[in-house]
All heavy atoms as atom14 arrays in JSON, in Angstrom:
{
  "sequence": "GQRILARLANEIPAAVDRAMQLSDDDRQAF",
  "atom14_mask": [
    [1, 1, 1, 1, 0, 0, 0, 0, 0, 0, 0, 0, 0, 0],
    [1, 1, 1, 1, 1, 1, 1, 1, 1, 0, 0, 0, 0, 0],
    [1, 1, 1, 1, 1, 1, 1, 1, 1, 1, 1, 0, 0, 0],
    [1, 1, 1, 1, 1, 1, 1, 1, 0, 0, 0, 0, 0, 0],
    [1, 1, 1, 1, 1, 1, 1, 1, 0, 0, 0, 0, 0, 0],
    [1, 1, 1, 1, 1, 0, 0, 0, 0, 0, 0, 0, 0, 0],
    [1, 1, 1, 1, 1, 1, 1, 1, 1, 1, 1, 0, 0, 0],
    [1, 1, 1, 1, 1, 1, 1, 1, 0, 0, 0, 0, 0, 0],
    [1, 1, 1, 1, 1, 0, 0, 0, 0, 0, 0, 0, 0, 0],
    [1, 1, 1, 1, 1, 1, 1, 1, 0, 0, 0, 0, 0, 0],
    [1, 1, 1, 1, 1, 1, 1, 1, 1, 0, 0, 0, 0, 0],
    [1, 1, 1, 1, 1, 1, 1, 1, 0, 0, 0, 0, 0, 0],
    [1, 1, 1, 1, 1, 1, 1, 0, 0, 0, 0, 0, 0, 0],
    [1, 1, 1, 1, 1, 0, 0, 0, 0, 0, 0, 0, 0, 0],
    [1, 1, 1, 1, 1, 0, 0, 0, 0, 0, 0, 0, 0, 0],
    [1, 1, 1, 1, 1, 1, 1, 0, 0, 0, 0, 0, 0, 0],
    [1, 1, 1, 1, 1, 1, 1, 1, 0, 0, 0, 0, 0, 0],
    [1, 1, 1, 1, 1, 1, 1, 1, 1, 1, 1, 0, 0, 0],
    [1, 1, 1, 1, 1, 0, 0, 0, 0, 0, 0, 0, 0, 0],
    [1, 1, 1, 1, 1, 1, 1, 1, 0, 0, 0, 0, 0, 0],
    [1, 1, 1, 1, 1, 1, 1, 1, 1, 0, 0, 0, 0, 0],
    [1, 1, 1, 1, 1, 1, 1, 1, 0, 0, 0, 0, 0, 0],
    [1, 1, 1, 1, 1, 1, 0, 0, 0, 0, 0, 0, 0, 0],
    [1, 1, 1, 1, 1, 1, 1, 1, 0, 0, 0, 0, 0, 0],
    [1, 1, 1, 1, 1, 1, 1, 1, 0, 0, 0, 0, 0, 0],
    [1, 1, 1, 1, 1, 1, 1, 1, 0, 0, 0, 0, 0, 0],
    [1, 1, 1, 1, 1, 1, 1, 1, 1, 1, 1, 0, 0, 0],
    [1, 1, 1, 1, 1, 1, 1, 1, 1, 0, 0, 0, 0, 0],
    [1, 1, 1, 1, 1, 0, 0, 0, 0, 0, 0, 0, 0, 0],
    [1, 1, 1, 1, 1, 1, 1, 1, 1, 1, 1, 0, 0, 0]
  ],
  "atom14_positions": [
    [[69.53, 161.01, 47.15], [69.66, 160.45, 45.95], [69.88, 158.94, 45.99], [69.29, 158.02, 45.25], [0.0, 0.0, 0.0], [0.0, 0.0, 0.0], [0.0, 0.0, 0.0], [0.0, 0.0, 0.0], [0.0, 0.0, 0.0], [0.0, 0.0, 0.0], [0.0, 0.0, 0.0], [0.0, 0.0, 0.0], [0.0, 0.0, 0.0], [0.0, 0.0, 0.0]],
    [[70.76, 158.5, 46.89], [71.11, 157.11, 47.07], [69.95, 156.44, 47.59], [69.8, 155.22, 47.33], [72.4, 157.04, 47.92], [73.73, 157.51, 47.18], [73.99, 156.58, 46.02], [74.08, 155.44, 46.04], [74.03, 157.33, 44.81], [0.0, 0.0, 0.0], [0.0, 0.0, 0.0], [0.0, 0.0, 0.0], [0.0, 0.0, 0.0], [0.0, 0.0, 0.0]],
    [[69.23, 156.99, 48.62], [68.03, 156.33, 49.13], [67.02, 156.05, 48.08], [66.3, 155.06, 47.91], [67.43, 157.16, 50.26], [68.35, 157.03, 51.45], [67.53, 157.71, 52.74], [67.4, 159.16, 52.66], [68.19, 160.07, 53.12], [69.32, 159.55, 53.66], [67.98, 161.19, 53.0], [0.0, 0.0, 0.0], [0.0, 0.0, 0.0], [0.0, 0.0, 0.0]],
    [[66.84, 157.09, 47.13], [65.78, 156.95, 46.16], [66.26, 155.8, 45.15], [65.55, 154.83, 44.78], [65.59, 158.18, 45.33], [65.01, 159.23, 46.1], [64.74, 158.06, 44.04], [65.02, 160.74, 45.54], [0.0, 0.0, 0.0], [0.0, 0.0, 0.0], [0.0, 0.0, 0.0], [0.0, 0.0, 0.0], [0.0, 0.0, 0.0], [0.0, 0.0, 0.0]],
    [[67.52, 155.85, 44.83], [68.11, 154.74, 43.94], [67.99, 153.36, 44.54], [67.72, 152.41, 43.81], [69.65, 155.08, 43.56], [70.23, 154.24, 42.62], [69.46, 154.29, 41.1], [71.74, 154.6, 42.35], [0.0, 0.0, 0.0], [0.0, 0.0, 0.0], [0.0, 0.0, 0.0], [0.0, 0.0, 0.0], [0.0, 0.0, 0.0], [0.0, 0.0, 0.0]],
    [[68.16, 153.3, 45.79], [67.99, 152.01, 46.53], [66.53, 151.4, 46.36], [66.26, 150.3, 46.14], [68.37, 152.07, 48.02], [0.0, 0.0, 0.0], [0.0, 0.0, 0.0], [0.0, 0.0, 0.0], [0.0, 0.0, 0.0], [0.0, 0.0, 0.0], [0.0, 0.0, 0.0], [0.0, 0.0, 0.0], [0.0, 0.0, 0.0], [0.0, 0.0, 0.0]],
    [[65.67, 152.41, 46.5], [64.22, 152.01, 46.45], [63.92, 151.46, 45.01], [63.33, 150.44, 44.68], [63.33, 153.27, 46.68], [61.83, 153.2, 46.1], [60.98, 152.37, 47.0], [59.49, 152.47, 46.39], [58.68, 153.45, 46.84], [58.97, 154.34, 47.72], [57.48, 153.4, 46.33], [0.0, 0.0, 0.0], [0.0, 0.0, 0.0], [0.0, 0.0, 0.0]],
    [[64.39, 152.28, 43.98], [64.25, 151.76, 42.58], [64.93, 150.52, 42.22], [64.27, 149.62, 41.62], [64.65, 152.87, 41.54], [63.86, 154.18, 41.61], [64.62, 155.17, 40.76], [62.58, 154.12, 41.26], [0.0, 0.0, 0.0], [0.0, 0.0, 0.0], [0.0, 0.0, 0.0], [0.0, 0.0, 0.0], [0.0, 0.0, 0.0], [0.0, 0.0, 0.0]],
    [[66.05, 150.42, 42.77], [66.79, 149.09, 42.46], [66.02, 147.79, 43.08], [66.18, 146.85, 42.59], [68.27, 149.15, 43.22], [0.0, 0.0, 0.0], [0.0, 0.0, 0.0], [0.0, 0.0, 0.0], [0.0, 0.0, 0.0], [0.0, 0.0, 0.0], [0.0, 0.0, 0.0], [0.0, 0.0, 0.0], [0.0, 0.0, 0.0], [0.0, 0.0, 0.0]],
    [[65.48, 147.96, 44.23], [64.66, 146.96, 44.81], [63.46, 146.67, 43.93], [62.95, 145.46, 43.92], [64.16, 147.4, 46.19], [65.25, 147.27, 47.28], [66.24, 146.45, 47.1], [65.16, 148.04, 48.35], [0.0, 0.0, 0.0], [0.0, 0.0, 0.0], [0.0, 0.0, 0.0], [0.0, 0.0, 0.0], [0.0, 0.0, 0.0], [0.0, 0.0, 0.0]],
    [[62.9, 147.69, 43.29], [61.7, 147.49, 42.57], [62.05, 147.02, 40.94], [61.11, 146.59, 40.2], [60.83, 148.71, 42.52], [60.33, 149.01, 43.77], [59.4, 150.35, 43.86], [59.15, 150.93, 42.77], [59.1, 150.77, 44.99], [0.0, 0.0, 0.0], [0.0, 0.0, 0.0], [0.0, 0.0, 0.0], [0.0, 0.0, 0.0], [0.0, 0.0, 0.0]],
    [[63.18, 147.29, 40.61], [63.59, 147.04, 39.13], [63.29, 145.48, 38.78], [62.81, 145.41, 37.76], [64.97, 147.52, 38.85], [64.94, 149.08, 38.63], [65.51, 146.81, 37.65], [66.38, 149.71, 38.47], [0.0, 0.0, 0.0], [0.0, 0.0, 0.0], [0.0, 0.0, 0.0], [0.0, 0.0, 0.0], [0.0, 0.0, 0.0], [0.0, 0.0, 0.0]],
    [[63.67, 144.54, 39.64], [63.53, 143.11, 39.2], [62.12, 142.9, 38.89], [61.9, 142.09, 37.83], [64.14, 142.36, 40.3], [65.18, 143.25, 40.94], [64.52, 144.59, 40.77], [0.0, 0.0, 0.0], [0.0, 0.0, 0.0], [0.0, 0.0, 0.0], [0.0, 0.0, 0.0], [0.0, 0.0, 0.0], [0.0, 0.0, 0.0], [0.0, 0.0, 0.0]],
    [[61.26, 143.17, 39.67], [59.75, 143.04, 39.43], [59.33, 143.69, 38.18], [58.56, 143.15, 37.37], [58.99, 143.4, 40.56], [0.0, 0.0, 0.0], [0.0, 0.0, 0.0], [0.0, 0.0, 0.0], [0.0, 0.0, 0.0], [0.0, 0.0, 0.0], [0.0, 0.0, 0.0], [0.0, 0.0, 0.0], [0.0, 0.0, 0.0], [0.0, 0.0, 0.0]],
    [[59.82, 144.88, 38.0], [59.41, 145.63, 36.77], [59.9, 145.02, 35.45], [59.31, 144.87, 34.43], [60.03, 147.03, 36.76], [0.0, 0.0, 0.0], [0.0, 0.0, 0.0], [0.0, 0.0, 0.0], [0.0, 0.0, 0.0], [0.0, 0.0, 0.0], [0.0, 0.0, 0.0], [0.0, 0.0, 0.0], [0.0, 0.0, 0.0], [0.0, 0.0, 0.0]],
    [[61.12, 144.35, 35.57], [61.8, 143.67, 34.42], [61.04, 142.33, 34.24], [60.71, 142.04, 33.1], [63.17, 143.25, 34.77], [63.8, 142.26, 33.7], [64.07, 144.55, 34.7], [0.0, 0.0, 0.0], [0.0, 0.0, 0.0], [0.0, 0.0, 0.0], [0.0, 0.0, 0.0], [0.0, 0.0, 0.0], [0.0, 0.0, 0.0], [0.0, 0.0, 0.0]],
    [[60.61, 141.67, 35.15], [59.89, 140.49, 35.03], [58.55, 140.75, 34.34], [58.18, 140.0, 33.45], [59.53, 139.73, 36.27], [60.73, 139.13, 36.94], [61.82, 139.0, 36.28], [60.95, 138.84, 38.24], [0.0, 0.0, 0.0], [0.0, 0.0, 0.0], [0.0, 0.0, 0.0], [0.0, 0.0, 0.0], [0.0, 0.0, 0.0], [0.0, 0.0, 0.0]],
    [[57.95, 141.75, 34.76], [56.49, 142.15, 34.11], [56.84, 142.58, 32.67], [56.02, 142.12, 31.81], [55.95, 143.32, 34.94], [54.84, 143.96, 34.32], [53.57, 142.94, 34.13], [52.55, 143.58, 33.61], [51.58, 143.04, 32.79], [51.65, 141.77, 32.62], [50.58, 143.61, 32.46], [0.0, 0.0, 0.0], [0.0, 0.0, 0.0], [0.0, 0.0, 0.0]],
    [[57.84, 143.35, 32.37], [58.17, 143.85, 31.11], [58.38, 142.68, 30.15], [57.98, 142.59, 29.02], [59.37, 144.85, 31.02], [0.0, 0.0, 0.0], [0.0, 0.0, 0.0], [0.0, 0.0, 0.0], [0.0, 0.0, 0.0], [0.0, 0.0, 0.0], [0.0, 0.0, 0.0], [0.0, 0.0, 0.0], [0.0, 0.0, 0.0], [0.0, 0.0, 0.0]],
    [[59.08, 141.61, 30.62], [59.38, 140.5, 29.76], [58.14, 139.65, 29.32], [58.3, 138.85, 28.43], [60.5, 139.63, 30.35], [61.86, 140.35, 30.47], [63.07, 139.31, 31.23], [63.12, 137.81, 30.26], [0.0, 0.0, 0.0], [0.0, 0.0, 0.0], [0.0, 0.0, 0.0], [0.0, 0.0, 0.0], [0.0, 0.0, 0.0], [0.0, 0.0, 0.0]],
    [[57.11, 139.73, 30.17], [55.77, 139.07, 29.88], [54.94, 139.69, 28.86], [54.02, 139.14, 28.51], [55.12, 138.87, 31.18], [55.87, 138.05, 32.27], [55.07, 138.03, 33.56], [54.02, 138.51, 33.66], [55.72, 137.4, 34.56], [0.0, 0.0, 0.0], [0.0, 0.0, 0.0], [0.0, 0.0, 0.0], [0.0, 0.0, 0.0], [0.0, 0.0, 0.0]],
    [[55.27, 141.08, 28.65], [54.29, 141.74, 27.7], [54.5, 141.5, 26.21], [55.62, 141.38, 25.73], [54.52, 143.31, 27.83], [54.19, 143.83, 29.3], [54.55, 145.18, 29.38], [52.79, 143.5, 29.76], [0.0, 0.0, 0.0], [0.0, 0.0, 0.0], [0.0, 0.0, 0.0], [0.0, 0.0, 0.0], [0.0, 0.0, 0.0], [0.0, 0.0, 0.0]],
    [[53.35, 141.3, 25.56], [53.45, 140.98, 24.12], [53.25, 142.38, 23.34], [53.16, 143.53, 24.15], [52.16, 140.16, 23.71], [51.0, 141.03, 23.98], [0.0, 0.0, 0.0], [0.0, 0.0, 0.0], [0.0, 0.0, 0.0], [0.0, 0.0, 0.0], [0.0, 0.0, 0.0], [0.0, 0.0, 0.0], [0.0, 0.0, 0.0], [0.0, 0.0, 0.0]],
    [[53.29, 142.33, 22.15], [53.1, 143.66, 21.3], [51.97, 144.25, 21.6], [51.81, 145.5, 21.65], [53.23, 143.28, 19.87], [54.67, 142.95, 19.4], [55.57, 143.0, 20.14], [54.8, 142.65, 18.12], [0.0, 0.0, 0.0], [0.0, 0.0, 0.0], [0.0, 0.0, 0.0], [0.0, 0.0, 0.0], [0.0, 0.0, 0.0], [0.0, 0.0, 0.0]],
    [[50.77, 143.52, 21.71], [49.43, 144.13, 22.18], [49.39, 144.62, 23.49], [48.7, 145.56, 23.67], [48.37, 143.05, 21.83], [48.14, 142.69, 20.49], [48.55, 143.47, 19.65], [47.69, 141.63, 20.24], [0.0, 0.0, 0.0], [0.0, 0.0, 0.0], [0.0, 0.0, 0.0], [0.0, 0.0, 0.0], [0.0, 0.0, 0.0], [0.0, 0.0, 0.0]],
    [[50.21, 144.18, 24.43], [50.21, 144.71, 25.73], [51.22, 145.8, 25.94], [51.05, 146.62, 26.9], [50.61, 143.57, 26.73], [49.59, 142.46, 26.72], [48.42, 142.77, 26.63], [50.0, 141.31, 26.8], [0.0, 0.0, 0.0], [0.0, 0.0, 0.0], [0.0, 0.0, 0.0], [0.0, 0.0, 0.0], [0.0, 0.0, 0.0], [0.0, 0.0, 0.0]],
    [[52.24, 145.93, 25.23], [53.19, 147.02, 25.35], [52.52, 148.41, 25.03], [51.78, 148.45, 24.03], [54.45, 146.76, 24.3], [55.53, 147.61, 24.53], [56.7, 147.32, 23.57], [56.35, 147.6, 22.28], [56.2, 146.75, 21.27], [56.44, 145.43, 21.41], [55.88, 147.12, 20.04], [0.0, 0.0, 0.0], [0.0, 0.0, 0.0], [0.0, 0.0, 0.0]],
    [[52.81, 149.32, 25.81], [52.11, 150.67, 25.42], [53.0, 151.74, 26.08], [53.87, 151.7, 27.01], [50.83, 150.67, 26.11], [50.63, 150.42, 27.58], [50.7, 151.76, 28.46], [50.31, 152.78, 28.0], [51.34, 151.5, 29.65], [0.0, 0.0, 0.0], [0.0, 0.0, 0.0], [0.0, 0.0, 0.0], [0.0, 0.0, 0.0], [0.0, 0.0, 0.0]],
    [[52.73, 152.99, 25.49], [53.51, 154.23, 26.02], [52.56, 155.3, 26.37], [52.85, 156.51, 26.19], [54.51, 154.69, 24.96], [0.0, 0.0, 0.0], [0.0, 0.0, 0.0], [0.0, 0.0, 0.0], [0.0, 0.0, 0.0], [0.0, 0.0, 0.0], [0.0, 0.0, 0.0], [0.0, 0.0, 0.0], [0.0, 0.0, 0.0], [0.0, 0.0, 0.0]],
    [[51.42, 154.95, 26.98], [50.33, 156.01, 27.22], [50.58, 156.52, 28.71], [50.36, 155.83, 29.65], [49.03, 155.31, 27.21], [47.86, 156.2, 27.36], [47.63, 157.26, 26.57], [46.96, 156.19, 28.49], [46.58, 158.24, 26.65], [46.06, 157.19, 28.81], [45.72, 158.19, 27.81], [0.0, 0.0, 0.0], [0.0, 0.0, 0.0], [0.0, 0.0, 0.0]]
  ]
}
């Protein structure tokens, strides 16, 4: 579990940067 969490923690900053760039038209839940 800790190894999985470490992988996700490494990827979260890029995910946050991408999320903050999305507009209403780009945001989706599909």
